[in-house]
Amino acid sequence: MADSKRVQAIQNRLKTAKESATQLSEFIIDKQAGDYLLRLSFNFLGDVERFLLPNADKADAPTNADLWYSSAEFTLHIVEEQIRRVKDLAKKFGRNLTIVGGGSTGRS
């Protein structure tokens, strides 16, 4: 039940988001910081590519396909927002962006 225009739009957004996330990951020197900031985005992109789109394609009814496509679009929206935030951080702090704190304080 593929809606070719919708699928193409989702695939274009997916490709753009993957490229942006990869560029950011390579730009940030501290790999631990890059991983922390972008891991969820990469995971969600994989979900869209390997789970949501294939299930939309296999849907047995247009309404079911619409649910899968809507989920893919919503997931991409989340990813795009996260990438935008990381870009803003990289623009503000540069390539030496690091994560300070966030670990265990040792207190109970």
N, C-alpha and C. Protein backbone atom coordinates (compact mmCIF):
# COMPACT_ATOMS: atom_id res chain seq x y z
N MET A 1 0.83 -1.19 0.00
CA MET A 1 0.00 0.00 0.00
C MET A 1 0.88 1.25 0.00
N ALA A 2 1.83 1.30 -0.85
CA ALA A 2 2.78 2.41 -0.86
C ALA A 2 2.17 3.65 -1.50
N ASP A 3 2.30 4.76 -0.81
CA ASP A 3 1.94 6.08 -1.32
C ASP A 3 3.26 6.68 -1.78
N SER A 4 3.53 6.58 -3.09
CA SER A 4 4.87 6.88 -3.59
C SER A 4 5.36 8.29 -3.27
N LYS A 5 4.50 9.28 -3.33
CA LYS A 5 4.92 10.65 -3.01
C LYS A 5 5.27 10.78 -1.53
N ARG A 6 4.48 10.16 -0.71
CA ARG A 6 4.73 10.21 0.74
C ARG A 6 6.00 9.45 1.10
N VAL A 7 6.16 8.29 0.51
CA VAL A 7 7.36 7.49 0.75
C VAL A 7 8.60 8.27 0.31
N GLN A 8 8.54 8.90 -0.86
CA GLN A 8 9.68 9.66 -1.36
C GLN A 8 10.00 10.83 -0.43
N ALA A 9 8.98 11.51 0.06
CA ALA A 9 9.20 12.63 0.98
C ALA A 9 9.85 12.14 2.28
N ILE A 10 9.38 11.02 2.79
CA ILE A 10 9.96 10.46 4.01
C ILE A 10 11.40 10.03 3.76
N GLN A 11 11.65 9.37 2.64
CA GLN A 11 13.01 8.93 2.33
C GLN A 11 13.96 10.12 2.14
N ASN A 12 13.47 11.20 1.55
CA ASN A 12 14.30 12.41 1.41
C ASN A 12 14.65 13.00 2.77
N ARG A 13 13.66 13.07 3.66
CA ARG A 13 13.91 13.58 5.01
C ARG A 13 14.86 12.67 5.76
N LEU A 14 14.69 11.37 5.58
CA LEU A 14 15.55 10.38 6.23
C LEU A 14 17.00 10.56 5.77
N LYS A 15 17.20 10.70 4.47
CA LYS A 15 18.54 10.86 3.91
C LYS A 15 19.18 12.15 4.44
N THR A 16 18.44 13.23 4.43
CA THR A 16 18.96 14.51 4.90
C THR A 16 19.33 14.44 6.38
N ALA A 17 18.47 13.83 7.18
CA ALA A 17 18.73 13.71 8.62
C ALA A 17 19.96 12.84 8.88
N LYS A 18 20.08 11.73 8.14
CA LYS A 18 21.25 10.86 8.32
C LYS A 18 22.54 11.60 7.98
N GLU A 19 22.51 12.34 6.88
CA GLU A 19 23.69 13.11 6.49
C GLU A 19 24.05 14.16 7.53
N SER A 20 23.04 14.87 8.03
CA SER A 20 23.28 15.91 9.04
C SER A 20 23.83 15.31 10.33
N ALA A 21 23.24 14.21 10.78
CA ALA A 21 23.69 13.57 12.02
C ALA A 21 25.12 13.05 11.86
N THR A 22 25.43 12.48 10.70
CA THR A 22 26.78 11.98 10.45
C THR A 22 27.78 13.11 10.43
N GLN A 23 27.44 14.21 9.76
CA GLN A 23 28.34 15.37 9.72
C GLN A 23 28.59 15.92 11.12
N LEU A 24 27.54 16.01 11.93
CA LEU A 24 27.70 16.49 13.30
C LEU A 24 28.57 15.55 14.11
N SER A 25 28.34 14.26 13.95
CA SER A 25 29.13 13.27 14.67
C SER A 25 30.61 13.39 14.32
N GLU A 26 30.90 13.63 13.06
CA GLU A 26 32.29 13.79 12.63
C GLU A 26 32.86 15.14 13.05
N PHE A 27 32.02 16.16 13.16
CA PHE A 27 32.45 17.51 13.52
C PHE A 27 32.87 17.60 14.99
N ILE A 28 32.11 16.94 15.86
CA ILE A 28 32.37 17.01 17.30
C ILE A 28 33.57 16.13 17.63
N ILE A 29 34.60 16.74 18.19
CA ILE A 29 35.85 16.03 18.48
C ILE A 29 35.67 14.99 19.57
N ASP A 30 34.97 15.34 20.64
CA ASP A 30 34.75 14.43 21.76
C ASP A 30 33.70 13.40 21.34
N LYS A 31 34.16 12.21 20.97
CA LYS A 31 33.26 11.17 20.47
C LYS A 31 32.21 10.76 21.49
N GLN A 32 32.57 10.82 22.77
CA GLN A 32 31.61 10.48 23.81
C GLN A 32 30.47 11.51 23.83
N ALA A 33 30.80 12.77 23.66
CA ALA A 33 29.78 13.81 23.62
C ALA A 33 28.91 13.65 22.37
N GLY A 34 29.55 13.41 21.24
CA GLY A 34 28.81 13.21 20.01
C GLY A 34 27.86 12.03 20.10
N ASP A 35 28.34 10.96 20.69
CA ASP A 35 27.51 9.77 20.87
C ASP A 35 26.33 10.07 21.80
N TYR A 36 26.60 10.76 22.88
CA TYR A 36 25.57 11.11 23.85
C TYR A 36 24.48 11.97 23.19
N LEU A 37 24.90 12.93 22.40
CA LEU A 37 23.96 13.87 21.80
C LEU A 37 23.22 13.32 20.59
N LEU A 38 23.80 12.35 19.90
CA LEU A 38 23.22 11.89 18.64
C LEU A 38 22.77 10.43 18.62
N ARG A 39 23.07 9.68 19.65
CA ARG A 39 22.72 8.25 19.66
C ARG A 39 21.23 8.02 19.42
N LEU A 40 20.39 8.76 20.12
CA LEU A 40 18.95 8.57 19.98
C LEU A 40 18.50 8.90 18.55
N SER A 41 19.09 9.94 17.97
CA SER A 41 18.74 10.29 16.59
C SER A 41 19.10 9.16 15.64
N PHE A 42 20.30 8.60 15.77
CA PHE A 42 20.69 7.49 14.91
C PHE A 42 19.78 6.26 15.13
N ASN A 43 19.41 6.01 16.37
CA ASN A 43 18.52 4.88 16.65
C ASN A 43 17.15 5.09 15.99
N PHE A 44 16.62 6.31 16.13
CA PHE A 44 15.31 6.61 15.53
C PHE A 44 15.37 6.54 14.00
N LEU A 45 16.48 7.01 13.43
CA LEU A 45 16.61 6.92 11.97
C LEU A 45 16.61 5.46 11.51
N GLY A 46 17.27 4.61 12.26
CA GLY A 46 17.24 3.18 11.96
C GLY A 46 15.83 2.61 12.08
N ASP A 47 15.09 3.07 13.07
CA ASP A 47 13.70 2.61 13.24
C ASP A 47 12.86 2.98 12.02
N VAL A 48 13.03 4.20 11.54
CA VAL A 48 12.26 4.64 10.36
C VAL A 48 12.63 3.78 9.16
N GLU A 49 13.93 3.61 8.96
CA GLU A 49 14.42 2.90 7.77
C GLU A 49 14.12 1.40 7.79
N ARG A 50 14.31 0.77 8.95
CA ARG A 50 14.22 -0.69 9.00
C ARG A 50 12.91 -1.23 9.57
N PHE A 51 12.08 -0.37 10.16
CA PHE A 51 10.86 -0.87 10.79
C PHE A 51 9.60 -0.16 10.29
N LEU A 52 9.58 1.17 10.40
CA LEU A 52 8.35 1.89 10.08
C LEU A 52 8.01 1.87 8.59
N LEU A 53 8.98 2.22 7.74
CA LEU A 53 8.70 2.22 6.29
C LEU A 53 8.40 0.82 5.75
N PRO A 54 9.16 -0.20 6.12
CA PRO A 54 8.82 -1.53 5.62
C PRO A 54 7.42 -2.00 6.05
N ASN A 55 7.03 -1.66 7.27
CA ASN A 55 5.69 -2.05 7.72
C ASN A 55 4.60 -1.27 7.01
N ALA A 56 4.87 -0.02 6.68
CA ALA A 56 3.90 0.76 5.90
C ALA A 56 3.72 0.12 4.53
N ASP A 57 4.82 -0.32 3.96
CA ASP A 57 4.79 -0.94 2.64
C ASP A 57 4.01 -2.26 2.65
N LYS A 58 4.08 -2.97 3.77
CA LYS A 58 3.41 -4.27 3.87
C LYS A 58 1.99 -4.17 4.41
N ALA A 59 1.54 -2.97 4.76
CA ALA A 59 0.22 -2.82 5.38
C ALA A 59 -0.88 -3.35 4.47
N ASP A 60 -1.87 -3.97 5.10
CA ASP A 60 -2.94 -4.59 4.33
C ASP A 60 -4.10 -3.64 4.03
N ALA A 61 -4.08 -2.44 4.59
CA ALA A 61 -5.15 -1.48 4.34
C ALA A 61 -4.56 -0.06 4.34
N PRO A 62 -5.13 0.84 3.58
CA PRO A 62 -4.61 2.21 3.52
C PRO A 62 -4.57 2.90 4.89
N THR A 63 -5.55 2.62 5.74
CA THR A 63 -5.54 3.25 7.07
C THR A 63 -4.37 2.74 7.91
N ASN A 64 -4.04 1.46 7.76
CA ASN A 64 -2.89 0.92 8.49
C ASN A 64 -1.59 1.51 7.96
N ALA A 65 -1.48 1.62 6.65
CA ALA A 65 -0.29 2.23 6.05
C ALA A 65 -0.15 3.67 6.53
N ASP A 66 -1.27 4.39 6.59
CA ASP A 66 -1.24 5.78 7.05
C ASP A 66 -0.69 5.88 8.48
N LEU A 67 -1.04 4.94 9.33
CA LEU A 67 -0.51 4.94 10.70
C LEU A 67 1.00 4.76 10.71
N TRP A 68 1.51 3.85 9.88
CA TRP A 68 2.96 3.63 9.80
C TRP A 68 3.67 4.86 9.24
N TYR A 69 3.10 5.44 8.18
CA TYR A 69 3.70 6.65 7.60
C TYR A 69 3.69 7.80 8.60
N SER A 70 2.58 7.96 9.30
CA SER A 70 2.49 9.03 10.30
C SER A 70 3.51 8.83 11.41
N SER A 71 3.71 7.59 11.81
CA SER A 71 4.72 7.29 12.83
C SER A 71 6.12 7.62 12.33
N ALA A 72 6.38 7.30 11.08
CA ALA A 72 7.69 7.62 10.48
C ALA A 72 7.90 9.12 10.42
N GLU A 73 6.87 9.86 10.02
CA GLU A 73 6.97 11.32 9.92
C GLU A 73 7.17 11.95 11.30
N PHE A 74 6.44 11.45 12.28
CA PHE A 74 6.59 11.97 13.64
C PHE A 74 7.98 11.68 14.19
N THR A 75 8.47 10.48 13.96
CA THR A 75 9.80 10.11 14.41
C THR A 75 10.86 10.98 13.74
N LEU A 76 10.71 11.23 12.46
CA LEU A 76 11.64 12.11 11.75
C LEU A 76 11.59 13.53 12.31
N HIS A 77 10.42 13.97 12.67
CA HIS A 77 10.29 15.31 13.27
C HIS A 77 11.10 15.40 14.57
N ILE A 78 11.00 14.37 15.39
CA ILE A 78 11.77 14.33 16.64
C ILE A 78 13.27 14.38 16.33
N VAL A 79 13.70 13.58 15.37
CA VAL A 79 15.11 13.53 14.98
C VAL A 79 15.58 14.89 14.46
N GLU A 80 14.79 15.49 13.60
CA GLU A 80 15.16 16.79 13.03
C GLU A 80 15.30 17.86 14.11
N GLU A 81 14.42 17.82 15.10
CA GLU A 81 14.52 18.77 16.22
C GLU A 81 15.79 18.52 17.03
N GLN A 82 16.10 17.27 17.29
CA GLN A 82 17.30 16.94 18.05
C GLN A 82 18.56 17.38 17.29
N ILE A 83 18.59 17.11 16.01
CA ILE A 83 19.74 17.52 15.19
C ILE A 83 19.87 19.04 15.20
N ARG A 84 18.75 19.74 15.11
CA ARG A 84 18.79 21.20 15.15
C ARG A 84 19.39 21.68 16.48
N ARG A 85 19.01 21.05 17.56
CA ARG A 85 19.55 21.44 18.88
C ARG A 85 21.06 21.17 18.97
N VAL A 86 21.49 20.03 18.45
CA VAL A 86 22.91 19.71 18.48
C VAL A 86 23.68 20.68 17.58
N LYS A 87 23.11 21.03 16.43
CA LYS A 87 23.76 22.03 15.56
C LYS A 87 23.92 23.35 16.30
N ASP A 88 22.88 23.74 17.03
CA ASP A 88 22.95 24.99 17.81
C ASP A 88 24.06 24.92 18.85
N LEU A 89 24.18 23.78 19.53
CA LEU A 89 25.25 23.60 20.52
C LEU A 89 26.62 23.65 19.85
N ALA A 90 26.74 22.98 18.72
CA ALA A 90 28.03 22.96 18.01
C ALA A 90 28.39 24.35 17.51
N LYS A 91 27.39 25.09 17.08
CA LYS A 91 27.64 26.47 16.62
C LYS A 91 28.09 27.35 17.78
N LYS A 92 27.48 27.14 18.93
CA LYS A 92 27.80 27.95 20.11
C LYS A 92 29.14 27.57 20.74
N PHE A 93 29.42 26.26 20.83
CA PHE A 93 30.60 25.79 21.56
C PHE A 93 31.71 25.25 20.67
N GLY A 94 31.44 25.09 19.40
CA GLY A 94 32.47 24.63 18.47
C GLY A 94 32.72 23.14 18.51
N ARG A 95 33.80 22.74 17.87
CA ARG A 95 34.15 21.32 17.74
C ARG A 95 34.52 20.68 19.07
N ASN A 96 34.93 21.48 20.04
CA ASN A 96 35.36 20.96 21.33
C ASN A 96 34.21 20.79 22.31
N LEU A 97 33.03 20.72 21.81
CA LEU A 97 31.84 20.51 22.62
C LEU A 97 32.01 19.26 23.48
N THR A 98 31.83 19.40 24.78
CA THR A 98 31.92 18.26 25.69
C THR A 98 30.73 18.26 26.63
N ILE A 99 30.47 17.12 27.20
CA ILE A 99 29.40 16.98 28.19
C ILE A 99 30.05 16.99 29.56
N VAL A 100 29.62 17.91 30.41
CA VAL A 100 30.17 18.02 31.75
C VAL A 100 29.09 17.59 32.73
N GLY A 101 29.46 16.71 33.66
CA GLY A 101 28.50 16.24 34.65
C GLY A 101 27.59 15.19 34.06
N GLY A 102 26.42 15.07 34.65
CA GLY A 102 25.45 14.09 34.16
C GLY A 102 25.72 12.69 34.68
N GLY A 103 26.86 12.50 35.30
CA GLY A 103 27.17 11.20 35.84
C GLY A 103 26.66 11.07 37.27
N SER A 104 27.00 9.99 37.89
CA SER A 104 26.60 9.75 39.27
C SER A 104 27.34 10.70 40.20
N THR A 105 26.64 11.23 41.16
CA THR A 105 27.25 12.16 42.11
C THR A 105 27.83 11.43 43.31
N GLY A 106 27.52 10.16 43.41
CA GLY A 106 28.02 9.39 44.53
C GLY A 106 27.16 9.52 45.78
N ARG A 107 26.10 10.31 45.66
CA ARG A 107 25.17 10.50 46.80
C ARG A 107 24.01 9.54 46.66
N SER A 108 23.40 9.24 47.79
CA SER A 108 22.23 8.37 47.78
C SER A 108 20.98 9.18 47.84
